[in-house]
Amino acid sequence: MQKKFFSNLLLIILLNLLVKPYAIFAIDATVQNRVGAENYGMYFSLLNLSFLFNILMDLGINNFTTKHVAQYPKVVSSYVGKLFSFRLILFAIYALVTITIGVAIGHTGDELYLLLILVFNQWLVTFIAYFRSHFGGLHLFKTDALISVLDRVLLIFICGFVLFTNVTGKHFEIEWFIWMQTVCYLITLITAFILLTRKIGVPKFKFHWAFSLAILRKSYPYALLILLMMIYTRTDSVMIERIHPNGKYEAGVYAQGFHLLDALFMFGMIFANMLLPIFSRMFKQNKTAIPAILVSSRNLLVGGSILIAAVCFFNPEFILGLIYKNDVSASTQSFQWLMLSFIGMCLSLIYGTLLTAKGDMRFLNQLSIVGIVVNIAFNALLIPEYGAAGSAFATLVTQGFTALIQLFYAHSKLGIPFHFTQTLRFAGFTSIFLVFYFLVPQNDYSIYLQLAAGTIGLFVFKLIDVKELKKQFSAEM
């Protein structure tokens, strides 16, 4: 199982490294440079508003499907058609709630029009994720990997053509960018559906009320968890745009730092998406194998996040300057706090996925409620005076707090030993960057020295254990 996990993980990471960073830094960043911080800040706030309640279209069905199909693969063909019509009803509810909230907080005219398009895009994204949940549950990781990057590949070609050829002869508008995403999502959805039907056959689409309610009774804890987590991870930009005196600009500043975090988080989600079906099957078939893959994946993901976060924290203007032309200095502090929060996010991805596979949803939901209170309280306190930087610090506090609680709870609840030597390894690894920053003179080459020393440190402190990886790749399935 570990061999399959790491071999497919390598493929997915490679595909995402080739596609998603370019889509974010060459396409999204160029769009922001063209339309300006205020226009992009308005779009970014609306985008996150459309994210907040998209769980109403899912209600935990995707996570439940991945977990259940992984444990009972033969049920997959009976699920798709029965749930399709029901999810159309859920989309209508989601759209009504989101638009109502948009109007309630003051969006009108063009902003409301753009929100409507983004709401439709969320429907497309949700159905793509639904089809991908079947691929994950069936352990069709290669197919899942291809679908996971298809919309970005299409956006690179379509939006890149318009951006870099100036074929329209007009100033680029944020509305074009949103409609281009719509086209890319639609093509990806059709492709995913065709690939799934080739595997399971063409489903019969019919509304099945009793079946839908039965699924909801099992999946609602997953839905509540996603909704709660979405609130405390996506309200930041909405609150900035609404309560800061110069909200649109500050939201645009926040978005510049957030883009890199979002790109990195996508790679973290690769681990989570693959670990969920694997942990789920292990809990059913072989619990003794869980600690080994938990430690391997945690050390790799969290060790990598410390390396990236430290380099970004100590070289913010250099890194932001590679991507953006405007407002780099204004984005520096929020970028630093957001990069540090990436460490907590990665820790939560590992342990949150483990607890989700175990089915310990009550604890995760209770913790998420606490996370919401902490996040909103810090945002409300800090945004009026500190804007984007204050909101980013609120993210750091929230992510760090919830991550540590999940770590301690998981090890205690599941009886998985946490050796003190592991803590020393992470502490020793982190000290590398502190030594370089405070004791080594800073110059134009410092970032490269930090990257090289950090990469070597991953192996020295055995956060990447070469012997263990060889053993996993050579082991029998």
Protein backbone atom coordinates (compact mmCIF):
# COMPACT_ATOMS: atom_id res chain seq x y z
CA MET A 1 0.00 0.00 0.00
CA GLN A 2 2.84 2.41 0.85
CA LYS A 3 4.54 1.64 -2.47
CA LYS A 4 1.36 2.50 -4.34
CA PHE A 5 0.90 5.66 -2.32
CA PHE A 6 4.39 7.05 -2.93
CA SER A 7 4.64 6.04 -6.61
CA ASN A 8 1.33 7.71 -7.46
CA LEU A 9 2.17 10.65 -5.23
CA LEU A 10 5.31 11.21 -7.31
CA LEU A 11 3.26 11.28 -10.53
CA ILE A 12 0.67 13.68 -9.16
CA ILE A 13 3.29 16.03 -7.71
CA LEU A 14 5.13 16.06 -11.03
CA LEU A 15 1.98 16.94 -12.97
CA ASN A 16 1.05 19.65 -10.52
CA LEU A 17 4.58 21.08 -10.50
CA LEU A 18 4.45 21.34 -14.26
CA VAL A 19 1.03 22.98 -14.42
CA LYS A 20 -0.36 24.73 -11.34
CA PRO A 21 2.54 27.03 -10.43
CA TYR A 22 2.58 28.35 -13.99
CA ALA A 23 -1.20 28.82 -13.94
CA ILE A 24 -1.01 30.83 -10.71
CA PHE A 25 2.17 32.83 -11.21
CA ALA A 26 2.10 33.37 -14.97
CA ILE A 27 -1.67 33.61 -15.51
CA ASP A 28 -3.33 34.71 -12.25
CA ALA A 29 -0.51 37.08 -11.35
CA THR A 30 -0.46 38.59 -14.84
CA VAL A 31 -4.21 39.12 -14.64
CA GLN A 32 -3.76 40.94 -11.32
CA ASN A 33 -0.96 43.07 -12.79
CA ARG A 34 -3.19 43.99 -15.75
CA VAL A 35 -6.42 44.78 -13.89
CA GLY A 36 -4.86 46.35 -10.76
CA ALA A 37 -5.06 45.60 -7.04
CA GLU A 38 -8.54 47.08 -6.50
CA ASN A 39 -10.28 45.23 -9.34
CA TYR A 40 -8.53 42.00 -8.49
CA GLY A 41 -9.25 42.53 -4.79
CA MET A 42 -12.94 42.86 -5.58
CA TYR A 43 -12.82 39.63 -7.64
CA PHE A 44 -10.84 37.84 -4.93
CA SER A 45 -13.39 38.81 -2.29
CA LEU A 46 -16.30 37.64 -4.47
CA LEU A 47 -14.48 34.41 -5.27
CA ASN A 48 -14.04 33.61 -1.60
CA LEU A 49 -17.67 34.51 -0.92
CA SER A 50 -18.67 31.95 -3.56
CA PHE A 51 -16.44 29.42 -1.78
CA LEU A 52 -17.96 29.93 1.66
CA PHE A 53 -21.17 27.99 1.18
CA ASN A 54 -20.33 25.70 -1.74
CA ILE A 55 -20.53 22.80 0.73
CA LEU A 56 -24.32 23.19 0.40
CA MET A 57 -23.89 21.63 -3.06
CA ASP A 58 -21.99 18.72 -1.60
CA LEU A 59 -23.04 18.20 2.04
CA GLY A 60 -20.05 15.91 2.55
CA ILE A 61 -20.99 13.59 -0.31
CA ASN A 62 -17.55 13.76 -1.96
CA ASN A 63 -15.59 12.79 1.15
CA PHE A 64 -18.14 10.14 2.04
CA THR A 65 -17.97 8.75 -1.50
CA THR A 66 -14.16 8.55 -1.49
CA LYS A 67 -14.15 6.79 1.89
CA HIS A 68 -17.09 4.46 1.13
CA VAL A 69 -16.04 3.52 -2.41
CA ALA A 70 -12.51 2.77 -1.13
CA GLN A 71 -14.01 0.29 1.34
CA TYR A 72 -16.80 -1.04 -0.93
CA PRO A 73 -15.71 -0.58 -4.59
CA LYS A 74 -18.67 -2.47 -6.06
CA VAL A 75 -21.21 0.19 -5.01
CA VAL A 76 -19.82 2.95 -7.23
CA SER A 77 -22.03 2.37 -10.28
CA SER A 78 -25.21 2.66 -8.22
CA TYR A 79 -24.29 6.01 -6.67
CA VAL A 80 -23.67 8.38 -9.58
CA GLY A 81 -27.05 8.50 -11.29
CA LYS A 82 -29.10 8.55 -8.09
CA LEU A 83 -27.27 11.54 -6.68
CA PHE A 84 -27.04 13.68 -9.82
CA SER A 85 -30.61 15.03 -9.72
CA PHE A 86 -30.43 15.57 -5.98
CA ARG A 87 -27.30 17.65 -6.39
CA LEU A 88 -29.11 19.94 -8.82
CA ILE A 89 -31.52 20.75 -5.98
CA LEU A 90 -28.57 21.37 -3.68
CA PHE A 91 -27.09 23.77 -6.25
CA ALA A 92 -30.31 25.82 -6.26
CA ILE A 93 -30.16 26.08 -2.47
CA TYR A 94 -26.48 27.08 -2.53
CA ALA A 95 -27.05 29.72 -5.22
CA LEU A 96 -29.97 31.24 -3.31
CA VAL A 97 -28.01 31.40 -0.03
CA THR A 98 -24.87 32.87 -1.62
CA ILE A 99 -26.64 35.53 -3.68
CA THR A 100 -28.81 36.49 -0.70
CA ILE A 101 -25.73 36.97 1.48
CA GLY A 102 -24.03 38.90 -1.32
CA VAL A 103 -26.96 41.32 -1.48
CA ALA A 104 -27.15 41.52 2.32
CA ILE A 105 -23.53 42.65 2.68
CA GLY A 106 -23.92 45.32 0.01
CA HIS A 107 -22.98 43.86 -3.39
CA THR A 108 -24.97 45.30 -6.29
CA GLY A 109 -24.73 45.81 -10.05
CA ASP A 110 -21.58 44.49 -11.70
CA GLU A 111 -20.35 42.88 -8.49
CA LEU A 112 -23.55 40.85 -8.19
CA TYR A 113 -23.31 39.88 -11.87
CA LEU A 114 -19.77 38.58 -11.38
CA LEU A 115 -20.86 36.72 -8.25
CA LEU A 116 -23.54 34.92 -10.30
CA ILE A 117 -20.91 33.66 -12.75
CA LEU A 118 -18.67 32.56 -9.89
CA VAL A 119 -21.60 30.70 -8.31
CA PHE A 120 -22.08 28.75 -11.55
CA ASN A 121 -18.34 28.05 -11.67
CA GLN A 122 -18.56 26.59 -8.18
CA TRP A 123 -21.25 24.20 -9.40
CA LEU A 124 -18.90 23.00 -12.15
CA VAL A 125 -16.01 22.66 -9.68
CA THR A 126 -18.17 20.68 -7.25
CA PHE A 127 -19.19 18.17 -9.90
CA ILE A 128 -15.61 17.77 -11.09
CA ALA A 129 -14.67 17.03 -7.48
CA TYR A 130 -17.57 14.57 -7.21
CA PHE A 131 -16.35 12.57 -10.20
CA ARG A 132 -12.79 12.73 -8.88
CA SER A 133 -13.99 11.32 -5.54
CA HIS A 134 -14.94 8.15 -7.40
CA PHE A 135 -11.51 7.96 -9.05
CA GLY A 136 -9.87 8.35 -5.64
CA GLY A 137 -12.11 5.76 -4.01
CA LEU A 138 -11.32 3.27 -6.79
CA HIS A 139 -7.60 4.08 -6.39
CA LEU A 140 -7.46 5.36 -9.99
CA PHE A 141 -4.90 7.92 -8.91
CA LYS A 142 -3.43 8.49 -12.38
CA THR A 143 -6.83 9.39 -13.81
CA ASP A 144 -7.51 11.60 -10.81
CA ALA A 145 -4.15 13.30 -11.34
CA LEU A 146 -4.90 14.10 -14.98
CA ILE A 147 -8.33 15.54 -14.19
CA SER A 148 -6.87 17.55 -11.30
CA VAL A 149 -4.74 19.64 -13.68
CA LEU A 150 -6.85 19.66 -16.84
CA ASP A 151 -8.75 22.88 -16.09
CA ARG A 152 -5.47 24.68 -15.31
CA VAL A 153 -3.86 23.43 -18.53
CA LEU A 154 -6.81 24.75 -20.52
CA LEU A 155 -6.69 28.09 -18.69
CA ILE A 156 -2.99 28.46 -19.44
CA PHE A 157 -3.63 28.08 -23.17
CA ILE A 158 -6.87 30.09 -23.44
CA CYS A 159 -6.13 32.93 -21.02
CA GLY A 160 -2.43 32.95 -21.86
CA PHE A 161 -3.25 33.44 -25.53
CA VAL A 162 -5.45 36.45 -24.77
CA LEU A 163 -3.02 37.95 -22.24
CA PHE A 164 0.21 37.62 -24.18
CA THR A 165 -0.96 38.19 -27.77
CA ASN A 166 -3.39 41.07 -27.04
CA VAL A 167 -5.63 39.55 -29.70
CA THR A 168 -8.61 41.62 -28.53
CA GLY A 169 -6.81 44.94 -28.81
CA LYS A 170 -8.52 46.02 -25.58
CA HIS A 171 -7.54 46.40 -21.93
CA PHE A 172 -7.94 43.04 -20.18
CA GLU A 173 -11.01 42.85 -17.93
CA ILE A 174 -11.55 40.67 -14.86
CA GLU A 175 -14.89 39.50 -16.31
CA TRP A 176 -13.03 37.82 -19.20
CA PHE A 177 -10.91 35.90 -16.75
CA ILE A 178 -13.98 34.57 -14.93
CA TRP A 179 -15.69 33.45 -18.17
CA MET A 180 -12.50 31.74 -19.34
CA GLN A 181 -12.52 29.73 -16.12
CA THR A 182 -16.12 28.76 -16.85
CA VAL A 183 -15.15 27.30 -20.23
CA CYS A 184 -12.20 25.39 -18.76
CA TYR A 185 -14.27 23.92 -15.94
CA LEU A 186 -17.01 22.86 -18.35
CA ILE A 187 -14.58 21.00 -20.63
CA THR A 188 -12.97 19.33 -17.60
CA LEU A 189 -16.35 18.23 -16.24
CA ILE A 190 -17.31 16.62 -19.54
CA THR A 191 -13.96 14.85 -19.76
CA ALA A 192 -14.22 13.52 -16.19
CA PHE A 193 -17.72 12.22 -16.84
CA ILE A 194 -16.64 10.39 -20.00
CA LEU A 195 -13.68 8.76 -18.22
CA LEU A 196 -15.86 7.68 -15.29
CA THR A 197 -18.55 6.15 -17.52
CA ARG A 198 -15.87 4.19 -19.38
CA LYS A 199 -14.96 2.64 -16.04
CA ILE A 200 -18.40 2.03 -14.50
CA GLY A 201 -20.78 2.31 -17.45
CA VAL A 202 -23.37 5.00 -18.20
CA PRO A 203 -25.44 5.63 -15.07
CA LYS A 204 -29.22 6.03 -15.11
CA PHE A 205 -30.06 9.54 -13.98
CA LYS A 206 -33.10 9.57 -11.74
CA PHE A 207 -34.11 11.24 -8.52
CA HIS A 208 -34.16 8.83 -5.60
CA TRP A 209 -35.35 10.67 -2.49
CA ALA A 210 -34.95 7.82 0.01
CA PHE A 211 -31.43 7.03 -1.22
CA SER A 212 -30.42 10.69 -1.09
CA LEU A 213 -31.62 11.09 2.48
CA ALA A 214 -29.81 7.90 3.50
CA ILE A 215 -26.56 9.25 2.07
CA LEU A 216 -27.09 12.61 3.78
CA ARG A 217 -27.55 10.97 7.15
CA LYS A 218 -24.14 9.37 6.72
CA SER A 219 -22.39 12.31 5.06
CA TYR A 220 -23.66 15.34 6.99
CA PRO A 221 -20.81 15.24 9.55
CA TYR A 222 -18.37 15.58 6.64
CA ALA A 223 -20.47 18.44 5.25
CA LEU A 224 -20.50 20.28 8.55
CA LEU A 225 -16.73 19.90 8.87
CA ILE A 226 -16.07 21.30 5.40
CA LEU A 227 -18.49 24.19 5.96
CA LEU A 228 -16.88 25.12 9.28
CA MET A 229 -13.35 24.87 7.86
CA MET A 230 -14.36 26.92 4.84
CA ILE A 231 -15.66 29.68 7.09
CA TYR A 232 -12.43 30.05 9.04
CA THR A 233 -10.18 29.73 5.98
CA ARG A 234 -12.11 31.84 3.44
CA THR A 235 -13.69 34.69 5.40
CA ASP A 236 -10.44 36.65 5.59
CA SER A 237 -10.62 38.42 2.24
CA VAL A 238 -14.38 39.00 2.56
CA MET A 239 -13.89 40.67 5.96
CA ILE A 240 -10.96 42.74 4.67
CA GLU A 241 -12.95 44.01 1.69
CA ARG A 242 -16.01 44.81 3.81
CA ILE A 243 -14.62 46.29 7.06
CA HIS A 244 -11.32 48.00 6.18
CA PRO A 245 -11.60 51.65 5.06
CA ASN A 246 -9.63 50.81 1.89
CA GLY A 247 -11.01 47.30 1.64
CA LYS A 248 -10.70 46.51 -2.08
CA TYR A 249 -7.06 47.55 -2.17
CA GLU A 250 -6.19 45.66 1.02
CA ALA A 251 -7.95 42.56 -0.32
CA GLY A 252 -5.80 42.84 -3.45
CA VAL A 253 -2.67 43.14 -1.31
CA TYR A 254 -3.76 40.09 0.68
CA ALA A 255 -4.39 38.17 -2.56
CA GLN A 256 -0.78 38.68 -3.68
CA GLY A 257 0.51 36.86 -0.62
CA PHE A 258 -2.32 34.35 -0.66
CA HIS A 259 -1.65 33.17 -4.22
CA LEU A 260 1.57 31.41 -3.32
CA LEU A 261 -0.04 29.92 -0.20
CA ASP A 262 -2.92 28.67 -2.35
CA ALA A 263 -0.50 27.10 -4.83
CA LEU A 264 1.38 25.36 -2.04
CA PHE A 265 -1.84 24.24 -0.37
CA MET A 266 -2.81 22.47 -3.60
CA PHE A 267 0.24 20.25 -3.21
CA GLY A 268 -0.70 19.57 0.39
CA MET A 269 -4.16 18.57 -0.76
CA ILE A 270 -2.56 15.98 -3.03
CA PHE A 271 -1.39 14.18 0.11
CA ALA A 272 -4.81 14.49 1.74
CA ASN A 273 -6.74 13.29 -1.30
CA MET A 274 -4.54 10.23 -1.62
CA LEU A 275 -4.26 9.50 2.09
CA LEU A 276 -8.03 9.55 2.74
CA PRO A 277 -8.88 6.39 0.76
CA ILE A 278 -5.64 4.72 1.90
CA PHE A 279 -6.21 5.45 5.59
CA SER A 280 -9.86 4.43 5.18
CA ARG A 281 -8.93 1.03 3.77
CA MET A 282 -6.22 0.56 6.41
CA PHE A 283 -8.69 1.17 9.24
CA LYS A 284 -10.83 -1.58 7.76
CA GLN A 285 -8.11 -4.08 6.80
CA ASN A 286 -4.73 -3.38 8.43
CA LYS A 287 -4.55 -0.80 11.25
CA THR A 288 -1.00 -1.75 12.16
CA ALA A 289 0.30 -0.23 8.91
CA ILE A 290 -1.07 3.25 9.73
CA PRO A 291 1.80 4.60 11.90
CA ALA A 292 4.44 3.95 9.22
CA ILE A 293 2.66 5.81 6.43
CA LEU A 294 1.54 8.53 8.85
CA VAL A 295 5.10 9.26 9.94
CA SER A 296 6.50 9.09 6.40
CA SER A 297 3.88 11.40 4.92
CA ARG A 298 3.99 13.79 7.91
CA ASN A 299 7.76 14.14 7.87
CA LEU A 300 7.81 14.70 4.12
CA LEU A 301 4.95 17.21 3.99
CA VAL A 302 5.66 19.16 7.19
CA GLY A 303 9.43 19.12 6.61
CA GLY A 304 8.90 20.49 3.12
CA SER A 305 6.49 23.13 4.44
CA ILE A 306 9.06 24.35 6.99
CA LEU A 307 11.67 24.66 4.22
CA ILE A 308 9.34 26.64 1.96
CA ALA A 309 7.88 28.80 4.73
CA ALA A 310 11.30 29.74 6.12
CA VAL A 311 12.74 30.70 2.73
CA CYS A 312 9.65 32.78 1.91
CA PHE A 313 9.60 34.44 5.34
CA PHE A 314 13.23 35.54 5.11
CA ASN A 315 13.09 36.64 1.44
CA PRO A 316 9.58 38.09 0.92
CA GLU A 317 10.31 41.02 -1.39
CA PHE A 318 12.59 38.94 -3.62
CA ILE A 319 9.96 36.23 -4.08
CA LEU A 320 7.00 38.58 -4.52
CA GLY A 321 9.04 40.68 -6.94
CA LEU A 322 9.46 37.66 -9.20
CA ILE A 323 5.68 37.44 -9.58
CA TYR A 324 4.21 40.93 -9.25
CA LYS A 325 5.05 44.38 -10.55
CA ASN A 326 2.92 46.49 -8.22
CA ASP A 327 2.40 46.83 -4.44
CA VAL A 328 5.17 44.38 -3.54
CA SER A 329 6.27 46.25 -0.40
CA ALA A 330 2.66 46.55 0.78
CA SER A 331 2.21 42.76 0.48
CA THR A 332 5.40 41.76 2.30
CA GLN A 333 4.17 41.44 5.88
CA SER A 334 0.93 39.62 5.06
CA PHE A 335 2.90 37.29 2.80
CA GLN A 336 5.30 36.41 5.64
CA TRP A 337 2.52 35.52 8.09
CA LEU A 338 0.66 33.51 5.45
CA MET A 339 3.76 31.48 4.61
CA LEU A 340 4.28 30.56 8.26
CA SER A 341 0.64 29.47 8.47
CA PHE A 342 1.36 26.95 5.71
CA ILE A 343 3.19 24.76 8.26
CA GLY A 344 0.05 24.48 10.41
CA MET A 345 -2.07 23.82 7.33
CA CYS A 346 0.12 20.88 6.33
CA LEU A 347 0.01 19.42 9.82
CA SER A 348 -3.79 19.71 9.76
CA LEU A 349 -3.97 18.05 6.35
CA ILE A 350 -2.16 14.96 7.65
CA TYR A 351 -3.92 14.57 10.99
CA GLY A 352 -7.29 15.88 9.82
CA THR A 353 -7.30 13.30 7.04
CA LEU A 354 -6.37 10.55 9.50
CA LEU A 355 -9.21 11.49 11.85
CA THR A 356 -11.65 11.83 8.94
CA ALA A 357 -10.79 8.32 7.76
CA LYS A 358 -11.31 7.10 11.32
CA GLY A 359 -14.73 8.77 11.32
CA ASP A 360 -14.03 11.01 14.33
CA MET A 361 -16.14 13.83 12.92
CA ARG A 362 -17.57 15.08 16.19
CA PHE A 363 -14.15 16.17 17.44
CA LEU A 364 -13.17 17.73 14.11
CA ASN A 365 -16.41 19.72 13.94
CA GLN A 366 -16.06 20.95 17.51
CA LEU A 367 -12.49 22.02 16.83
CA SER A 368 -13.57 23.83 13.66
CA ILE A 369 -16.16 25.82 15.59
CA VAL A 370 -13.41 26.93 17.98
CA GLY A 371 -11.28 27.78 14.93
CA ILE A 372 -14.04 30.00 13.54
CA VAL A 373 -14.35 31.91 16.81
CA VAL A 374 -10.60 32.42 17.03
CA ASN A 375 -10.27 33.48 13.39
CA ILE A 376 -13.19 35.90 13.27
CA ALA A 377 -12.24 37.43 16.63
CA PHE A 378 -8.65 38.09 15.53
CA ASN A 379 -9.79 39.37 12.12
CA ALA A 380 -12.33 41.75 13.64
CA LEU A 381 -9.70 43.02 16.06
CA LEU A 382 -6.79 43.40 13.63
CA ILE A 383 -8.22 44.23 10.18
CA PRO A 384 -9.44 47.81 10.90
CA GLU A 385 -5.92 48.90 11.90
CA TYR A 386 -3.57 46.49 10.16
CA GLY A 387 -5.56 45.44 7.07
CA ALA A 388 -4.12 42.52 5.10
CA ALA A 389 -1.23 41.99 7.53
CA GLY A 390 -3.60 41.72 10.49
CA SER A 391 -5.78 39.20 8.69
CA ALA A 392 -2.76 37.11 7.71
CA PHE A 393 -1.63 37.03 11.35
CA ALA A 394 -5.13 35.84 12.29
CA THR A 395 -4.70 33.00 9.79
CA LEU A 396 -1.36 32.04 11.35
CA VAL A 397 -2.83 31.89 14.86
CA THR A 398 -5.87 29.89 13.76
CA GLN A 399 -3.99 27.36 11.64
CA GLY A 400 -1.28 26.82 14.26
CA PHE A 401 -3.77 26.36 17.08
CA THR A 402 -6.04 23.87 15.27
CA ALA A 403 -3.08 21.90 13.87
CA LEU A 404 -1.49 21.29 17.28
CA ILE A 405 -4.81 20.24 18.82
CA GLN A 406 -5.35 17.69 16.03
CA LEU A 407 -1.83 16.31 16.44
CA PHE A 408 -2.12 15.73 20.19
CA TYR A 409 -5.64 14.35 19.93
CA ALA A 410 -4.83 11.91 17.11
CA HIS A 411 -1.82 10.42 18.86
CA SER A 412 -3.72 10.13 22.14
CA LYS A 413 -6.98 8.80 20.67
CA LEU A 414 -5.43 6.28 18.29
CA GLY A 415 -2.62 5.20 20.57
CA ILE A 416 0.09 6.13 18.05
CA PRO A 417 3.35 6.88 19.88
CA PHE A 418 4.97 10.25 19.24
CA HIS A 419 8.67 9.94 19.91
CA PHE A 420 10.54 12.93 21.35
CA THR A 421 13.29 12.35 18.78
CA GLN A 422 10.82 13.41 16.08
CA THR A 423 10.37 16.77 17.78
CA LEU A 424 14.14 17.17 18.01
CA ARG A 425 14.47 16.45 14.29
CA PHE A 426 12.03 19.22 13.39
CA ALA A 427 13.66 21.60 15.87
CA GLY A 428 17.12 20.87 14.50
CA PHE A 429 15.93 21.29 10.95
CA THR A 430 14.28 24.64 11.74
CA SER A 431 17.46 25.88 13.44
CA ILE A 432 19.26 25.70 10.07
CA PHE A 433 17.31 28.71 8.79
CA LEU A 434 17.69 30.67 12.01
CA VAL A 435 21.46 30.21 11.88
CA PHE A 436 21.61 31.29 8.24
CA TYR A 437 19.42 34.33 8.79
CA PHE A 438 20.96 35.68 11.99
CA LEU A 439 24.59 34.59 11.69
CA VAL A 440 25.34 34.49 7.96
CA PRO A 441 25.59 37.88 6.17
CA GLN A 442 22.62 38.48 3.86
CA ASN A 443 23.32 39.03 0.16
CA ASP A 444 21.86 38.29 -3.26
CA TYR A 445 22.75 34.62 -2.92
CA SER A 446 21.29 34.04 0.56
CA ILE A 447 18.07 32.52 -0.73
CA TYR A 448 19.96 29.91 -2.75
CA LEU A 449 22.14 29.02 0.24
CA GLN A 450 19.02 28.65 2.40
CA LEU A 451 17.36 26.40 -0.17
CA ALA A 452 20.46 24.24 -0.53
CA ALA A 453 21.05 23.96 3.23
CA GLY A 454 17.36 23.24 3.86
CA THR A 455 17.22 20.53 1.21
CA ILE A 456 20.32 18.84 2.63
CA GLY A 457 18.82 19.23 6.11
CA LEU A 458 15.74 17.22 5.10
CA PHE A 459 18.02 14.23 4.58
CA VAL A 460 20.41 14.91 7.48
CA PHE A 461 17.56 15.03 10.00
CA LYS A 462 15.84 12.10 8.22
CA LEU A 463 12.65 13.96 7.46
CA ILE A 464 13.24 12.31 4.11
CA ASP A 465 14.55 8.87 5.00
CA VAL A 466 16.23 7.36 1.93
CA LYS A 467 16.40 3.85 3.41
CA GLU A 468 12.73 3.92 4.35
CA LEU A 469 11.70 5.16 0.91
CA LYS A 470 13.72 2.41 -0.78
CA LYS A 471 12.05 -0.13 1.46
CA GLN A 472 8.58 1.19 0.59
CA PHE A 473 9.19 1.23 -3.15
CA SER A 474 10.69 -2.27 -3.15
CA ALA A 475 8.02 -3.76 -0.88
CA GLU A 476 5.34 -6.04 -2.22
CA MET A 477 1.91 -4.50 -2.74
